[in-house]
Amino acid sequence: MAISTAREKATWIIITVAVVIYALFPVASILATSFKAPSDLANGTFLPREFSTLNYEQILIGDAQGLFLTALRNSIGIAVIATCIAVVLATLAAYAIARLEFRGKKLILTTALAVSVFPVISIVTPLFNIWRSIGLYDTWLGLIIPYLSLTLPISIWTLAAFFRQIPWELEQAAQVDGATPWQAFSKAIVPLAAPGVFTTAIIAFFIAWNDFVYGIALTSTESARTVPAALAFFTGASQFESPTGAISAAAIIVTLPVVVLVLAFQRQIVSGLTQGAVKG
């Protein structure tokens, strides 16, 4: 029995290590490429011969500064605003779905799920035409609204599952003590739902932060173009030079906020997901 357990443990360790290497190898490759000089990019080696910060200098203080920093500002602003709106609306909607009995509740959840898996590319063209007609093309608002279609459905699903785990009696006790329905919700339920709300906010932020299709299709200038879309417009020092190094450096910088958030709040993320997954 002990031998079997040891073998299973060793097998799982090997599988875990293999999955981690498989997942992190592309990131390590991009990181190594970001420190290569232009003359090193085509040498076929994994690590640079000499570590160079030229690519980072190019996008932070060099020729690509305007394109990258402007896009970075757009990404931060648009993703944060879309996340805040999605979390507020999803909190109210998920609470109603979890607590109230009304016709069409299952239909709402099914529709939210259908919207979340709907292919984005299929609605880009009509959305492009509508936005051009009403003046939302190439604006922050023109990206925030479509981002809500990506972040709101998954936020409603996550929070609805979490609200179901909170005892209904807590809200009833608050109302018995004289609290209004809104006070019972905001002061008794929302604090208990904080882990789920926080987890939902991080997931929604990741979705908005990583979007490429809307960012490339609904913008035409640097005024609203986000980083994933801006990377497609990077150019080399000449028409014969590939901007691989600069794109790699930009990709590393864009990835850092995601990594930092996950590492800093991994306990809250796991807590929110696991609590929302438990059946009451």
Protein backbone atom coordinates (compact mmCIF):
# COMPACT_ATOMS: atom_id res chain seq x y z
CA MET A 1 0.00 0.00 0.00
CA ALA A 2 2.80 2.36 0.89
CA ILE A 3 4.65 1.50 -2.32
CA SER A 4 1.51 2.17 -4.37
CA THR A 5 1.00 5.51 -2.62
CA ALA A 6 4.63 6.49 -3.21
CA ARG A 7 4.33 5.60 -6.90
CA GLU A 8 1.15 7.63 -7.27
CA LYS A 9 2.79 10.58 -5.56
CA ALA A 10 5.86 10.34 -7.80
CA THR A 11 3.62 10.07 -10.88
CA TRP A 12 1.68 13.17 -9.93
CA ILE A 13 4.92 15.06 -9.26
CA ILE A 14 6.25 14.12 -12.69
CA ILE A 15 2.98 15.13 -14.37
CA THR A 16 2.91 18.44 -12.48
CA VAL A 17 6.50 19.26 -13.41
CA ALA A 18 5.82 18.39 -17.06
CA VAL A 19 2.72 20.61 -17.16
CA VAL A 20 4.56 23.50 -15.51
CA ILE A 21 7.46 23.24 -17.97
CA TYR A 22 5.04 23.00 -20.90
CA ALA A 23 3.12 26.07 -19.70
CA LEU A 24 6.11 28.22 -18.76
CA PHE A 25 8.46 27.40 -21.63
CA PRO A 26 6.84 29.91 -24.05
CA VAL A 27 7.04 32.61 -21.36
CA ALA A 28 10.69 31.80 -20.71
CA SER A 29 11.39 31.93 -24.44
CA ILE A 30 9.73 35.36 -24.75
CA LEU A 31 11.64 36.60 -21.70
CA ALA A 32 14.96 35.43 -23.16
CA THR A 33 14.13 37.00 -26.53
CA SER A 34 13.30 40.32 -24.90
CA PHE A 35 16.90 40.58 -23.67
CA LYS A 36 18.48 39.78 -27.04
CA ALA A 37 20.15 42.43 -29.16
CA PRO A 38 18.90 42.73 -32.77
CA SER A 39 21.98 40.88 -34.01
CA ASP A 40 21.18 38.01 -31.63
CA LEU A 41 17.58 37.40 -32.69
CA ALA A 42 18.40 35.03 -35.54
CA ASN A 43 21.28 33.13 -33.95
CA GLY A 44 19.07 30.16 -33.07
CA THR A 45 20.07 30.02 -29.40
CA PHE A 46 17.62 30.04 -26.51
CA LEU A 47 19.57 32.44 -24.28
CA PRO A 48 21.08 35.69 -25.57
CA ARG A 49 24.84 35.78 -26.02
CA GLU A 50 24.90 39.12 -24.22
CA PHE A 51 21.97 40.42 -22.18
CA SER A 52 20.75 43.71 -23.63
CA THR A 53 18.05 46.09 -22.44
CA LEU A 54 17.81 47.71 -25.86
CA ASN A 55 14.33 46.33 -26.52
CA TYR A 56 12.97 47.70 -23.24
CA GLU A 57 14.61 51.05 -23.90
CA GLN A 58 12.99 51.13 -27.33
CA ILE A 59 9.44 50.77 -26.00
CA LEU A 60 9.88 52.83 -22.82
CA ILE A 61 12.11 55.73 -23.88
CA GLY A 62 12.87 55.09 -27.55
CA ASP A 63 11.12 55.17 -30.90
CA ALA A 64 8.20 52.97 -29.81
CA GLN A 65 7.59 54.92 -26.59
CA GLY A 66 4.57 56.84 -27.86
CA LEU A 67 2.89 53.77 -29.32
CA PHE A 68 3.46 51.49 -26.33
CA LEU A 69 2.95 53.83 -23.37
CA THR A 70 -0.21 55.31 -24.86
CA ALA A 71 -1.58 51.82 -25.49
CA LEU A 72 -0.61 50.79 -21.96
CA ARG A 73 -2.52 53.74 -20.52
CA ASN A 74 -5.53 52.83 -22.66
CA SER A 75 -5.40 49.19 -21.55
CA ILE A 76 -5.23 50.09 -17.87
CA GLY A 77 -8.02 52.65 -18.04
CA ILE A 78 -10.39 50.64 -20.21
CA ALA A 79 -9.84 47.35 -18.36
CA VAL A 80 -10.31 48.94 -14.92
CA ILE A 81 -13.48 50.81 -15.91
CA ALA A 82 -14.98 47.75 -17.64
CA THR A 83 -14.14 45.61 -14.61
CA CYS A 84 -15.71 48.02 -12.12
CA ILE A 85 -18.93 48.32 -14.14
CA ALA A 86 -19.13 44.56 -14.70
CA VAL A 87 -18.60 43.74 -11.02
CA VAL A 88 -21.22 46.25 -9.81
CA LEU A 89 -23.85 45.09 -12.32
CA ALA A 90 -23.00 41.42 -11.80
CA THR A 91 -23.25 41.75 -8.01
CA LEU A 92 -26.77 43.15 -8.22
CA ALA A 93 -27.86 40.69 -10.92
CA ALA A 94 -26.33 37.67 -9.20
CA TYR A 95 -27.92 38.60 -5.88
CA ALA A 96 -31.34 38.82 -7.50
CA ILE A 97 -30.84 35.49 -9.27
CA ALA A 98 -29.64 33.75 -6.12
CA ARG A 99 -32.19 35.22 -3.66
CA LEU A 100 -35.37 35.99 -5.57
CA GLU A 101 -37.85 33.64 -7.19
CA PHE A 102 -39.13 34.89 -10.51
CA ARG A 103 -39.98 33.55 -13.93
CA GLY A 104 -37.15 33.35 -16.43
CA LYS A 105 -34.34 33.04 -13.87
CA LYS A 106 -32.90 29.95 -15.52
CA LEU A 107 -33.32 31.57 -18.91
CA ILE A 108 -31.22 34.54 -17.77
CA LEU A 109 -28.41 32.27 -16.59
CA THR A 110 -28.58 30.21 -19.78
CA THR A 111 -28.47 33.36 -21.88
CA ALA A 112 -25.49 34.66 -19.91
CA LEU A 113 -23.68 31.38 -20.51
CA ALA A 114 -24.55 31.47 -24.21
CA VAL A 115 -23.24 35.02 -24.54
CA SER A 116 -19.99 34.12 -22.77
CA VAL A 117 -19.23 31.31 -25.26
CA PHE A 118 -20.46 33.21 -28.34
CA PRO A 119 -17.61 33.75 -30.84
CA VAL A 120 -16.50 37.37 -30.63
CA ILE A 121 -15.33 37.53 -34.23
CA SER A 122 -18.89 36.95 -35.50
CA ILE A 123 -20.19 40.26 -34.08
CA VAL A 124 -17.19 42.47 -34.78
CA THR A 125 -18.32 43.52 -38.28
CA PRO A 126 -21.87 44.63 -37.34
CA LEU A 127 -20.49 46.27 -34.20
CA PHE A 128 -17.91 48.08 -36.31
CA ASN A 129 -20.66 49.46 -38.58
CA ILE A 130 -22.88 50.51 -35.66
CA TRP A 131 -20.03 52.20 -33.80
CA ARG A 132 -19.02 54.13 -36.95
CA SER A 133 -22.61 55.33 -37.33
CA ILE A 134 -23.10 56.58 -33.76
CA GLY A 135 -19.60 57.93 -33.15
CA LEU A 136 -18.26 55.32 -30.71
CA TYR A 137 -15.61 53.96 -33.05
CA ASP A 138 -12.04 54.45 -31.80
CA THR A 139 -13.14 55.62 -28.33
CA TRP A 140 -12.76 54.25 -24.81
CA LEU A 141 -16.54 53.87 -24.49
CA GLY A 142 -16.58 51.98 -27.79
CA LEU A 143 -14.35 49.33 -26.19
CA ILE A 144 -15.79 49.37 -22.67
CA ILE A 145 -19.27 48.43 -23.86
CA PRO A 146 -18.13 45.35 -25.84
CA TYR A 147 -15.84 44.36 -22.98
CA LEU A 148 -18.93 44.17 -20.76
CA SER A 149 -20.26 41.46 -23.06
CA LEU A 150 -17.11 39.48 -22.24
CA THR A 151 -16.85 40.18 -18.52
CA LEU A 152 -20.48 40.48 -17.36
CA PRO A 153 -21.74 36.94 -18.15
CA ILE A 154 -18.88 35.15 -16.39
CA SER A 155 -19.14 37.60 -13.50
CA ILE A 156 -22.85 36.86 -13.06
CA TRP A 157 -22.23 33.11 -13.12
CA THR A 158 -19.40 33.29 -10.60
CA LEU A 159 -21.21 35.58 -8.16
CA ALA A 160 -24.56 33.80 -8.42
CA ALA A 161 -22.89 30.57 -7.33
CA PHE A 162 -21.19 32.41 -4.47
CA PHE A 163 -24.33 34.18 -3.21
CA ARG A 164 -26.12 30.82 -2.97
CA GLN A 165 -23.65 29.77 -0.26
CA ILE A 166 -24.43 32.71 2.03
CA PRO A 167 -27.15 31.79 4.57
CA TRP A 168 -30.43 33.52 3.85
CA GLU A 169 -31.05 33.79 7.61
CA LEU A 170 -28.31 36.45 7.99
CA GLU A 171 -30.19 38.85 5.78
CA GLN A 172 -33.49 38.06 7.47
CA ALA A 173 -31.93 38.67 10.90
CA ALA A 174 -30.61 42.05 9.75
CA GLN A 175 -34.08 43.04 8.55
CA VAL A 176 -35.62 41.89 11.82
CA ASP A 177 -33.18 44.19 13.62
CA GLY A 178 -34.55 47.12 11.62
CA ALA A 179 -32.32 47.19 8.54
CA THR A 180 -33.86 48.02 5.18
CA PRO A 181 -33.44 45.49 2.36
CA TRP A 182 -30.66 47.65 0.89
CA GLN A 183 -28.90 47.98 4.26
CA ALA A 184 -29.15 44.23 4.83
CA PHE A 185 -27.66 43.62 1.39
CA SER A 186 -24.87 46.21 1.58
CA LYS A 187 -23.87 45.70 5.23
CA ALA A 188 -24.57 42.03 5.86
CA ILE A 189 -24.32 40.24 2.51
CA VAL A 190 -21.72 42.17 0.53
CA PRO A 191 -18.97 41.92 3.20
CA LEU A 192 -19.47 38.15 3.33
CA ALA A 193 -19.37 38.00 -0.46
CA ALA A 194 -16.11 40.01 -0.63
CA PRO A 195 -13.90 37.00 -1.58
CA GLY A 196 -16.23 36.11 -4.44
CA VAL A 197 -16.50 39.72 -5.61
CA PHE A 198 -12.73 40.09 -5.48
CA THR A 199 -12.19 36.88 -7.44
CA THR A 200 -14.74 37.94 -10.01
CA ALA A 201 -13.08 41.33 -10.39
CA ILE A 202 -9.70 39.74 -11.09
CA ILE A 203 -11.16 37.33 -13.64
CA ALA A 204 -13.04 40.15 -15.38
CA PHE A 205 -9.90 42.30 -15.42
CA PHE A 206 -7.89 39.49 -17.03
CA ILE A 207 -10.52 39.03 -19.73
CA ALA A 208 -10.62 42.73 -20.58
CA TRP A 209 -6.83 43.10 -20.31
CA ASN A 210 -6.11 40.25 -22.75
CA ASP A 211 -8.66 41.10 -25.45
CA PHE A 212 -7.25 41.46 -28.95
CA VAL A 213 -10.18 41.17 -31.37
CA TYR A 214 -12.18 44.18 -30.17
CA GLY A 215 -9.02 46.20 -29.64
CA ILE A 216 -7.81 45.72 -33.21
CA ALA A 217 -11.21 45.94 -34.93
CA LEU A 218 -12.82 48.87 -33.11
CA THR A 219 -9.85 51.27 -33.09
CA SER A 220 -7.86 53.00 -35.78
CA THR A 221 -5.58 55.37 -33.88
CA GLU A 222 -3.59 55.45 -30.65
CA SER A 223 -6.38 57.33 -28.84
CA ALA A 224 -8.10 54.09 -27.75
CA ARG A 225 -5.94 51.24 -29.03
CA THR A 226 -4.98 48.79 -26.29
CA VAL A 227 -1.64 47.01 -25.87
CA PRO A 228 -2.58 43.62 -27.41
CA ALA A 229 -3.73 45.44 -30.55
CA ALA A 230 -0.82 47.90 -30.50
CA LEU A 231 1.71 45.05 -30.64
CA ALA A 232 0.56 44.35 -34.20
CA PHE A 233 1.77 47.82 -35.23
CA PHE A 234 5.30 47.53 -33.90
CA THR A 235 7.97 47.93 -36.59
CA GLY A 236 11.69 47.31 -36.73
CA ALA A 237 14.42 49.88 -37.26
CA SER A 238 14.04 49.27 -41.02
CA GLN A 239 11.68 47.44 -43.33
CA PHE A 240 14.06 44.49 -43.32
CA GLU A 241 14.21 44.15 -39.53
CA SER A 242 11.61 42.23 -37.52
CA PRO A 243 10.37 43.87 -34.28
CA THR A 244 10.54 40.52 -32.46
CA GLY A 245 12.65 41.86 -29.59
CA ALA A 246 10.46 44.91 -28.98
CA ILE A 247 7.28 42.83 -29.13
CA SER A 248 8.77 40.34 -26.65
CA ALA A 249 9.73 43.13 -24.25
CA ALA A 250 6.24 44.65 -24.51
CA ALA A 251 4.65 41.23 -23.94
CA ILE A 252 6.70 40.75 -20.77
CA ILE A 253 5.70 44.16 -19.42
CA VAL A 254 2.03 43.52 -20.19
CA THR A 255 2.20 40.11 -18.52
CA LEU A 256 3.71 41.45 -15.29
CA PRO A 257 0.48 42.96 -13.86
CA VAL A 258 -1.31 39.64 -14.35
CA VAL A 259 1.47 37.68 -12.68
CA VAL A 260 1.72 40.13 -9.79
CA LEU A 261 -2.04 40.05 -9.17
CA VAL A 262 -2.17 36.25 -9.20
CA LEU A 263 0.83 35.88 -6.89
CA ALA A 264 -0.33 38.59 -4.51
CA PHE A 265 -3.94 37.43 -4.25
CA GLN A 266 -3.76 33.72 -5.02
CA ARG A 267 -5.30 32.78 -1.66
CA GLN A 268 -8.27 35.09 -2.20
CA ILE A 269 -8.73 33.78 -5.76
CA VAL A 270 -8.69 30.14 -4.67
CA SER A 271 -10.96 30.93 -1.70
CA GLY A 272 -13.49 32.73 -3.89
CA LEU A 273 -13.57 30.01 -6.55
CA THR A 274 -13.79 27.09 -4.14
CA GLN A 275 -16.47 28.68 -1.95
CA GLY A 276 -18.57 29.49 -4.99
CA ALA A 277 -18.22 25.93 -6.24
CA VAL A 278 -19.64 24.27 -3.10
CA LYS A 279 -23.25 23.22 -3.31
CA GLY A 280 -25.45 24.41 -0.50
